[in-house]
Structures are given as C-alpha cells and as structure tokens.
C-alpha cells in the first residue's frame, strides 16, 4: 500500500501504538518512534529505543512493500497494546 493508503487505514481502524510516536516524513533518533521514511533513495522502516537512536528493520526501493511491512509492524504493536 502507499503512504496515503496506510494513513487512511491507520485512521479508519483506529490503531493504537501505545507510547510510540509514528513518524513518516524522516528518520528520527527521538525515543520511542516507529517510522517509515524515504531516505537516500530507499524506503526505510525503523524503530527507536527508549533512550533514542534508530535502527532499520527493513529497507526497500518499493513504497508499497515498505508500507505493507510497516502496517504489519503497527498492527502487531496495536494487538500487544490492546490485549
């Protein structure tokens, strides 16, 4: 799915990722961020730790592949937070 499709789905399904902040426009080193951003010619799905500093989970040149993967990551977090 595209970034816009992801955002529509995130809102319509009312997904809750707990204490995490979602960032979709850049890679951040702030604490507790889940993100998917286009950086240096690649789509990167990443997370940050409680004390900051990011780590890349998946890197791809396909926006659809990146946001499909990111959706599954967000859905998994939503299920852990709400169960």
PDB file of N, CA and C in Angstrom:
ATOM      1  N   UNK A   1       0.846  -1.184   0.000  1.00  0.00           N
ATOM      2  CA  UNK A   1       0.000   0.000   0.000  1.00  0.00           C
ATOM      3  C   UNK A   1       0.887   1.242   0.000  1.00  0.00           C
ATOM      4  N   UNK A   2       0.338   2.348  -0.440  1.00  0.00           N
ATOM      5  CA  UNK A   2       1.089   3.592  -0.454  1.00  0.00           C
ATOM      6  C   UNK A   2       1.006   4.262   0.920  1.00  0.00           C
ATOM      7  N   UNK A   3       1.767   5.316   1.096  1.00  0.00           N
ATOM      8  CA  UNK A   3       1.747   6.074   2.347  1.00  0.00           C
ATOM      9  C   UNK A   3       0.334   6.597   2.633  1.00  0.00           C
ATOM     10  N   UNK A   4      -0.324   7.146   1.608  1.00  0.00           N
ATOM     11  CA  UNK A   4      -1.679   7.682   1.784  1.00  0.00           C
ATOM     12  C   UNK A   4      -2.674   6.579   2.142  1.00  0.00           C
ATOM     13  N   UNK A   5      -2.553   5.426   1.492  1.00  0.00           N
ATOM     14  CA  UNK A   5      -3.436   4.296   1.814  1.00  0.00           C
ATOM     15  C   UNK A   5      -3.199   3.831   3.246  1.00  0.00           C
ATOM     16  N   UNK A   6      -1.931   3.805   3.662  1.00  0.00           N
ATOM     17  CA  UNK A   6      -1.605   3.421   5.038  1.00  0.00           C
ATOM     18  C   UNK A   6      -2.266   4.374   6.027  1.00  0.00           C
ATOM     19  N   UNK A   7      -2.132   5.676   5.776  1.00  0.00           N
ATOM     20  CA  UNK A   7      -2.693   6.670   6.697  1.00  0.00           C
ATOM     21  C   UNK A   7      -4.209   6.533   6.809  1.00  0.00           C
ATOM     22  N   UNK A   8      -4.884   6.310   5.698  1.00  0.00           N
ATOM     23  CA  UNK A   8      -6.337   6.118   5.728  1.00  0.00           C
ATOM     24  C   UNK A   8      -6.701   4.882   6.536  1.00  0.00           C
ATOM     25  N   UNK A   9      -5.960   3.814   6.320  1.00  0.00           N
ATOM     26  CA  UNK A   9      -6.237   2.559   7.030  1.00  0.00           C
ATOM     27  C   UNK A   9      -5.942   2.700   8.526  1.00  0.00           C
ATOM     28  N   UNK A  10      -4.837   3.370   8.873  1.00  0.00           N
ATOM     29  CA  UNK A  10      -4.455   3.599  10.265  1.00  0.00           C
ATOM     30  C   UNK A  10      -5.584   4.345  10.991  1.00  0.00           C
ATOM     31  N   UNK A  11      -6.107   5.378  10.358  1.00  0.00           N
ATOM     32  CA  UNK A  11      -7.184   6.167  10.973  1.00  0.00           C
ATOM     33  C   UNK A  11      -8.498   5.398  11.035  1.00  0.00           C
ATOM     34  N   UNK A  12      -8.871   4.733   9.943  1.00  0.00           N
ATOM     35  CA  UNK A  12     -10.166   4.044   9.920  1.00  0.00           C
ATOM     36  C   UNK A  12     -10.195   2.862  10.893  1.00  0.00           C
ATOM     37  N   UNK A  13      -9.057   2.203  11.101  1.00  0.00           N
ATOM     38  CA  UNK A  13      -9.004   1.070  12.027  1.00  0.00           C
ATOM     39  C   UNK A  13      -8.699   1.495  13.457  1.00  0.00           C
ATOM     40  N   UNK A  14      -8.457   2.799  13.645  1.00  0.00           N
ATOM     41  CA  UNK A  14      -8.169   3.367  14.974  1.00  0.00           C
ATOM     42  C   UNK A  14      -7.072   2.575  15.699  1.00  0.00           C
ATOM     43  N   UNK A  15      -5.947   2.396  14.997  1.00  0.00           N
ATOM     44  CA  UNK A  15      -4.836   1.635  15.574  1.00  0.00           C
ATOM     45  C   UNK A  15      -4.147   2.440  16.670  1.00  0.00           C
ATOM     46  N   UNK A  16      -3.795   1.756  17.744  1.00  0.00           N
ATOM     47  CA  UNK A  16      -3.159   2.375  18.901  1.00  0.00           C
ATOM     48  C   UNK A  16      -1.779   1.742  19.074  1.00  0.00           C
ATOM     49  N   UNK A  17      -0.725   2.550  19.006  1.00  0.00           N
ATOM     50  CA  UNK A  17       0.632   2.004  19.156  1.00  0.00           C
ATOM     51  C   UNK A  17       1.238   2.377  20.509  1.00  0.00           C
ATOM     52  N   UNK A  18       0.380   2.608  21.483  1.00  0.00           N
ATOM     53  CA  UNK A  18       0.817   2.841  22.854  1.00  0.00           C
ATOM     54  C   UNK A  18       1.664   4.087  22.991  1.00  0.00           C
ATOM     55  N   UNK A  19       2.800   3.930  23.657  1.00  0.00           N
ATOM     56  CA  UNK A  19       3.665   5.073  23.948  1.00  0.00           C
ATOM     57  C   UNK A  19       4.507   5.507  22.744  1.00  0.00           C
ATOM     58  N   UNK A  20       4.459   4.738  21.672  1.00  0.00           N
ATOM     59  CA  UNK A  20       5.249   5.079  20.487  1.00  0.00           C
ATOM     60  C   UNK A  20       4.643   6.245  19.718  1.00  0.00           C
ATOM     61  N   UNK A  21       5.507   6.996  19.052  1.00  0.00           N
ATOM     62  CA  UNK A  21       5.119   8.070  18.146  1.00  0.00           C
ATOM     63  C   UNK A  21       5.367   7.554  16.735  1.00  0.00           C
ATOM     64  N   UNK A  22       4.460   7.820  15.820  1.00  0.00           N
ATOM     65  CA  UNK A  22       4.659   7.399  14.440  1.00  0.00           C
ATOM     66  C   UNK A  22       5.209   8.574  13.640  1.00  0.00           C
ATOM     67  N   UNK A  23       6.254   8.303  12.864  1.00  0.00           N
ATOM     68  CA  UNK A  23       6.864   9.343  12.041  1.00  0.00           C
ATOM     69  C   UNK A  23       7.027   8.810  10.624  1.00  0.00           C
ATOM     70  N   UNK A  24       6.509   9.572   9.648  1.00  0.00           N
ATOM     71  CA  UNK A  24       6.502   9.095   8.270  1.00  0.00           C
ATOM     72  C   UNK A  24       7.222  10.032   7.297  1.00  0.00           C
ATOM     73  N   UNK A  25       7.833  11.095   7.800  1.00  0.00           N
ATOM     74  CA  UNK A  25       8.464  12.034   6.882  1.00  0.00           C
ATOM     75  C   UNK A  25       9.985  12.055   6.958  1.00  0.00           C
ATOM     76  N   UNK A  26      10.558  11.511   8.025  1.00  0.00           N
ATOM     77  CA  UNK A  26      12.015  11.482   8.158  1.00  0.00           C
ATOM     78  C   UNK A  26      12.412  10.426   9.180  1.00  0.00           C
ATOM     79  N   UNK A  27      13.700  10.143   9.228  1.00  0.00           N
ATOM     80  CA  UNK A  27      14.216   9.226  10.244  1.00  0.00           C
ATOM     81  C   UNK A  27      14.587  10.053  11.464  1.00  0.00           C
ATOM     82  N   UNK A  28      14.117   9.621  12.600  1.00  0.00           N
ATOM     83  CA  UNK A  28      14.322  10.345  13.849  1.00  0.00           C
ATOM     84  C   UNK A  28      15.125   9.497  14.827  1.00  0.00           C
ATOM     85  N   UNK A  29      15.849  10.160  15.702  1.00  0.00           N
ATOM     86  CA  UNK A  29      16.543   9.474  16.793  1.00  0.00           C
ATOM     87  C   UNK A  29      15.872   9.741  18.135  1.00  0.00           C
ATOM     88  N   UNK A  30      14.692  10.373  18.112  1.00  0.00           N
ATOM     89  CA  UNK A  30      13.933  10.606  19.342  1.00  0.00           C
ATOM     90  C   UNK A  30      13.540   9.254  19.937  1.00  0.00           C
ATOM     91  N   UNK A  31      13.236   9.248  21.216  1.00  0.00           N
ATOM     92  CA  UNK A  31      12.899   7.969  21.851  1.00  0.00           C
ATOM     93  C   UNK A  31      11.494   7.506  21.477  1.00  0.00           C
ATOM     94  N   UNK A  32      11.354   6.195  21.386  1.00  0.00           N
ATOM     95  CA  UNK A  32      10.088   5.505  21.132  1.00  0.00           C
ATOM     96  C   UNK A  32       9.351   6.003  19.883  1.00  0.00           C
ATOM     97  N   UNK A  33      10.013   5.860  18.748  1.00  0.00           N
ATOM     98  CA  UNK A  33       9.425   6.214  17.460  1.00  0.00           C
ATOM     99  C   UNK A  33       9.351   4.956  16.602  1.00  0.00           C
ATOM    100  N   UNK A  34       8.234   4.804  15.894  1.00  0.00           N
ATOM    101  CA  UNK A  34       8.109   3.792  14.838  1.00  0.00           C
ATOM    102  C   UNK A  34       7.926   4.593  13.568  1.00  0.00           C
ATOM    103  N   UNK A  35       8.687   4.270  12.534  1.00  0.00           N
ATOM    104  CA  UNK A  35       8.574   5.086  11.343  1.00  0.00           C
ATOM    105  C   UNK A  35       8.842   4.359  10.047  1.00  0.00           C
ATOM    106  N   UNK A  36       8.433   5.020   8.976  1.00  0.00           N
ATOM    107  CA  UNK A  36       8.695   4.564   7.621  1.00  0.00           C
ATOM    108  C   UNK A  36       8.960   5.823   6.815  1.00  0.00           C
ATOM    109  N   UNK A  37      10.177   5.963   6.284  1.00  0.00           N
ATOM    110  CA  UNK A  37      10.543   7.202   5.599  1.00  0.00           C
ATOM    111  C   UNK A  37      11.387   6.916   4.374  1.00  0.00           C
ATOM    112  N   UNK A  38      11.283   7.804   3.397  1.00  0.00           N
ATOM    113  CA  UNK A  38      12.108   7.728   2.194  1.00  0.00           C
ATOM    114  C   UNK A  38      13.394   8.468   2.500  1.00  0.00           C
ATOM    115  N   UNK A  39      14.518   7.755   2.474  1.00  0.00           N
ATOM    116  CA  UNK A  39      15.803   8.335   2.860  1.00  0.00           C
ATOM    117  C   UNK A  39      16.898   7.801   1.943  1.00  0.00           C
ATOM    118  N   UNK A  40      17.623   8.704   1.318  1.00  0.00           N
ATOM    119  CA  UNK A  40      18.750   8.350   0.442  1.00  0.00           C
ATOM    120  C   UNK A  40      18.348   7.329  -0.627  1.00  0.00           C
ATOM    121  N   UNK A  41      17.198   7.565  -1.251  1.00  0.00           N
ATOM    122  CA  UNK A  41      16.751   6.730  -2.361  1.00  0.00           C
ATOM    123  C   UNK A  41      16.109   5.408  -1.995  1.00  0.00           C
ATOM    124  N   UNK A  42      15.893   5.165  -0.714  1.00  0.00           N
ATOM    125  CA  UNK A  42      15.292   3.908  -0.256  1.00  0.00           C
ATOM    126  C   UNK A  42      14.201   4.197   0.777  1.00  0.00           C
ATOM    127  N   UNK A  43      13.201   3.325   0.809  1.00  0.00           N
ATOM    128  CA  UNK A  43      12.198   3.365   1.871  1.00  0.00           C
ATOM    129  C   UNK A  43      12.744   2.570   3.052  1.00  0.00           C
ATOM    130  N   UNK A  44      12.710   3.161   4.237  1.00  0.00           N
ATOM    131  CA  UNK A  44      13.270   2.513   5.425  1.00  0.00           C
ATOM    132  C   UNK A  44      12.225   2.461   6.532  1.00  0.00           C
ATOM    133  N   UNK A  45      11.999   1.257   7.035  1.00  0.00           N
ATOM    134  CA  UNK A  45      11.129   1.049   8.196  1.00  0.00           C
ATOM    135  C   UNK A  45      12.060   0.946   9.392  1.00  0.00           C
ATOM    136  N   UNK A  46      11.764   1.728  10.437  1.00  0.00           N
ATOM    137  CA  UNK A  46      12.684   1.779  11.573  1.00  0.00           C
ATOM    138  C   UNK A  46      11.950   1.954  12.894  1.00  0.00           C
ATOM    139  N   UNK A  47      12.668   1.712  13.968  1.00  0.00           N
ATOM    140  CA  UNK A  47      12.187   1.974  15.328  1.00  0.00           C
ATOM    141  C   UNK A  47      13.319   2.642  16.094  1.00  0.00           C
ATOM    142  N   UNK A  48      12.966   3.292  17.180  1.00  0.00           N
ATOM    143  CA  UNK A  48      13.986   3.827  18.073  1.00  0.00           C
ATOM    144  C   UNK A  48      13.768   3.231  19.458  1.00  0.00           C
ATOM    145  N   UNK A  49      14.806   3.261  20.237  1.00  0.00           N
ATOM    146  CA  UNK A  49      14.739   2.713  21.589  1.00  0.00           C
ATOM    147  C   UNK A  49      14.290   3.786  22.575  1.00  0.00           C
ATOM    148  N   UNK A  50      14.067   3.385  23.805  1.00  0.00           N
ATOM    149  CA  UNK A  50      13.609   4.310  24.832  1.00  0.00           C
ATOM    150  C   UNK A  50      14.589   5.457  25.040  1.00  0.00           C
ATOM    151  N   UNK A  51      15.865   5.180  24.890  1.00  0.00           N
ATOM    152  CA  UNK A  51      16.878   6.222  25.082  1.00  0.00           C
ATOM    153  C   UNK A  51      17.308   6.865  23.769  1.00  0.00           C
ATOM    154  N   UNK A  52      16.558   6.630  22.717  1.00  0.00           N
ATOM    155  CA  UNK A  52      16.855   7.242  21.432  1.00  0.00           C
ATOM    156  C   UNK A  52      17.774   6.383  20.583  1.00  0.00           C
ATOM    157  N   UNK A  53      18.037   6.848  19.388  1.00  0.00           N
ATOM    158  CA  UNK A  53      18.866   6.103  18.449  1.00  0.00           C
ATOM    159  C   UNK A  53      18.016   5.133  17.649  1.00  0.00           C
ATOM    160  N   UNK A  54      18.035   5.265  16.319  1.00  0.00           N
ATOM    161  CA  UNK A  54      17.176   4.418  15.490  1.00  0.00           C
ATOM    162  C   UNK A  54      17.921   3.186  14.986  1.00  0.00           C
ATOM    163  N   UNK A  55      17.136   2.191  14.594  1.00  0.00           N
ATOM    164  CA  UNK A  55      17.687   1.029  13.901  1.00  0.00           C
ATOM    165  C   UNK A  55      16.708   0.646  12.795  1.00  0.00           C
ATOM    166  N   UNK A  56      17.281   0.305  11.649  1.00  0.00           N
ATOM    167  CA  UNK A  56      16.495  -0.020  10.465  1.00  0.00           C
ATOM    168  C   UNK A  56      16.031  -1.475  10.552  1.00  0.00           C
ATOM    169  N   UNK A  57      14.742  -1.692  10.345  1.00  0.00           N
ATOM    170  CA  UNK A  57      14.171  -3.036  10.367  1.00  0.00           C
ATOM    171  C   UNK A  57      14.091  -3.587   8.947  1.00  0.00           C
ATOM    172  N   UNK A  58      13.716  -2.719   8.004  1.00  0.00           N
ATOM    173  CA  UNK A  58      13.576  -3.140   6.604  1.00  0.00           C
ATOM    174  C   UNK A  58      13.933  -1.978   5.697  1.00  0.00           C
ATOM    175  N   UNK A  59      14.590  -2.309   4.596  1.00  0.00           N
ATOM    176  CA  UNK A  59      14.976  -1.323   3.591  1.00  0.00           C
ATOM    177  C   UNK A  59      14.552  -1.851   2.230  1.00  0.00           C
ATOM    178  N   UNK A  60      13.855  -1.019   1.448  1.00  0.00           N
ATOM    179  CA  UNK A  60      13.382  -1.450   0.136  1.00  0.00           C
ATOM    180  C   UNK A  60      13.250  -0.241  -0.785  1.00  0.00           C
ATOM    181  N   UNK A  61      13.235  -0.492  -2.077  1.00  0.00           N
ATOM    182  CA  UNK A  61      13.020   0.626  -3.002  1.00  0.00           C
ATOM    183  C   UNK A  61      11.550   0.747  -3.394  1.00  0.00           C
ATOM    184  N   UNK A  62      10.691  -0.085  -2.797  1.00  0.00           N
ATOM    185  CA  UNK A  62       9.261  -0.088  -3.105  1.00  0.00           C
ATOM    186  C   UNK A  62       8.448   0.526  -1.957  1.00  0.00           C
ATOM    187  N   UNK A  63       7.737   1.607  -2.261  1.00  0.00           N
ATOM    188  CA  UNK A  63       6.866   2.238  -1.262  1.00  0.00           C
ATOM    189  C   UNK A  63       5.799   1.254  -0.787  1.00  0.00           C
ATOM    190  N   UNK A  64       5.209   0.503  -1.721  1.00  0.00           N
ATOM    191  CA  UNK A  64       4.172  -0.461  -1.348  1.00  0.00           C
ATOM    192  C   UNK A  64       4.702  -1.530  -0.407  1.00  0.00           C
ATOM    193  N   UNK A  65       5.863  -2.066  -0.708  1.00  0.00           N
ATOM    194  CA  UNK A  65       6.458  -3.092   0.157  1.00  0.00           C
ATOM    195  C   UNK A  65       6.771  -2.524   1.539  1.00  0.00           C
ATOM    196  N   UNK A  66       7.302  -1.305   1.568  1.00  0.00           N
ATOM    197  CA  UNK A  66       7.653  -0.673   2.848  1.00  0.00           C
ATOM    198  C   UNK A  66       6.416  -0.470   3.715  1.00  0.00           C
ATOM    199  N   UNK A  67       5.356   0.072   3.132  1.00  0.00           N
ATOM    200  CA  UNK A  67       4.159   0.352   3.940  1.00  0.00           C
ATOM    201  C   UNK A  67       3.347  -0.894   4.243  1.00  0.00           C
ATOM    202  N   UNK A  68       3.410  -1.919   3.409  1.00  0.00           N
ATOM    203  CA  UNK A  68       2.792  -3.199   3.768  1.00  0.00           C
ATOM    204  C   UNK A  68       3.476  -3.760   5.007  1.00  0.00           C
ATOM    205  N   UNK A  69       4.814  -3.731   5.017  1.00  0.00           N
ATOM    206  CA  UNK A  69       5.581  -4.232   6.154  1.00  0.00           C
ATOM    207  C   UNK A  69       5.326  -3.370   7.390  1.00  0.00           C
ATOM    208  N   UNK A  70       5.330  -2.047   7.206  1.00  0.00           N
ATOM    209  CA  UNK A  70       5.118  -1.133   8.332  1.00  0.00           C
ATOM    210  C   UNK A  70       3.725  -1.322   8.930  1.00  0.00           C
ATOM    211  N   UNK A  71       2.723  -1.548   8.086  1.00  0.00           N
ATOM    212  CA  UNK A  71       1.364  -1.797   8.575  1.00  0.00           C
ATOM    213  C   UNK A  71       1.344  -3.024   9.484  1.00  0.00           C
ATOM    214  N   UNK A  72       2.012  -4.101   9.065  1.00  0.00           N
ATOM    215  CA  UNK A  72       2.060  -5.323   9.882  1.00  0.00           C
ATOM    216  C   UNK A  72       2.757  -5.051  11.221  1.00  0.00           C
ATOM    217  N   UNK A  73       3.808  -4.234  11.193  1.00  0.00           N
ATOM    218  CA  UNK A  73       4.526  -3.865  12.417  1.00  0.00           C
ATOM    219  C   UNK A  73       3.618  -3.067  13.357  1.00  0.00           C
ATOM    220  N   UNK A  74       2.911  -2.091  12.812  1.00  0.00           N
ATOM    221  CA  UNK A  74       1.992  -1.260  13.599  1.00  0.00           C
ATOM    222  C   UNK A  74       0.834  -2.103  14.132  1.00  0.00           C
ATOM    223  N   UNK A  75       0.294  -2.980  13.296  1.00  0.00           N
ATOM    224  CA  UNK A  75      -0.803  -3.849  13.719  1.00  0.00           C
ATOM    225  C   UNK A  75      -0.361  -4.773  14.852  1.00  0.00           C
ATOM    226  N   UNK A  76       0.839  -5.300  14.766  1.00  0.00           N
ATOM    227  CA  UNK A  76       1.382  -6.152  15.814  1.00  0.00           C
ATOM    228  C   UNK A  76       1.502  -5.382  17.132  1.00  0.00           C
ATOM    229  N   UNK A  77       1.991  -4.150  17.070  1.00  0.00           N
ATOM    230  CA  UNK A  77       2.110  -3.315  18.268  1.00  0.00           C
ATOM    231  C   UNK A  77       0.721  -3.000  18.823  1.00  0.00           C
ATOM    232  N   UNK A  78      -0.219  -2.677  17.953  1.00  0.00           N
ATOM    233  CA  UNK A  78      -1.603  -2.395  18.358  1.00  0.00           C
ATOM    234  C   UNK A  78      -2.189  -3.597  19.116  1.00  0.00           C
ATOM    235  N   UNK A  79      -1.973  -4.800  18.577  1.00  0.00           N
ATOM    236  CA  UNK A  79      -2.508  -6.002  19.217  1.00  0.00           C
ATOM    237  C   UNK A  79      -1.875  -6.248  20.581  1.00  0.00           C
ATOM    238  N   UNK A  80      -0.577  -5.979  20.727  1.00  0.00           N
ATOM    239  CA  UNK A  80       0.086  -6.142  22.034  1.00  0.00           C
ATOM    240  C   UNK A  80      -0.427  -5.119  23.036  1.00  0.00           C
ATOM    241  N   UNK A  81      -0.637  -3.882  22.599  1.00  0.00           N
ATOM    242  CA  UNK A  81      -1.088  -2.816  23.493  1.00  0.00           C
ATOM    243  C   UNK A  81      -2.531  -3.042  23.947  1.00  0.00           C
ATOM    244  N   UNK A  82      -3.358  -3.576  23.068  1.00  0.00           N
ATOM    245  CA  UNK A  82      -4.797  -3.657  23.344  1.00  0.00           C
ATOM    246  C   UNK A  82      -5.285  -5.037  23.779  1.00  0.00           C
ATOM    247  N   UNK A  83      -4.384  -5.944  24.047  1.00  0.00           N
ATOM    248  CA  UNK A  83      -4.813  -7.280  24.514  1.00  0.00           C
ATOM    249  C   UNK A  83      -4.242  -7.618  25.855  1.00  0.00           C
TER     250      UNK A  83
END
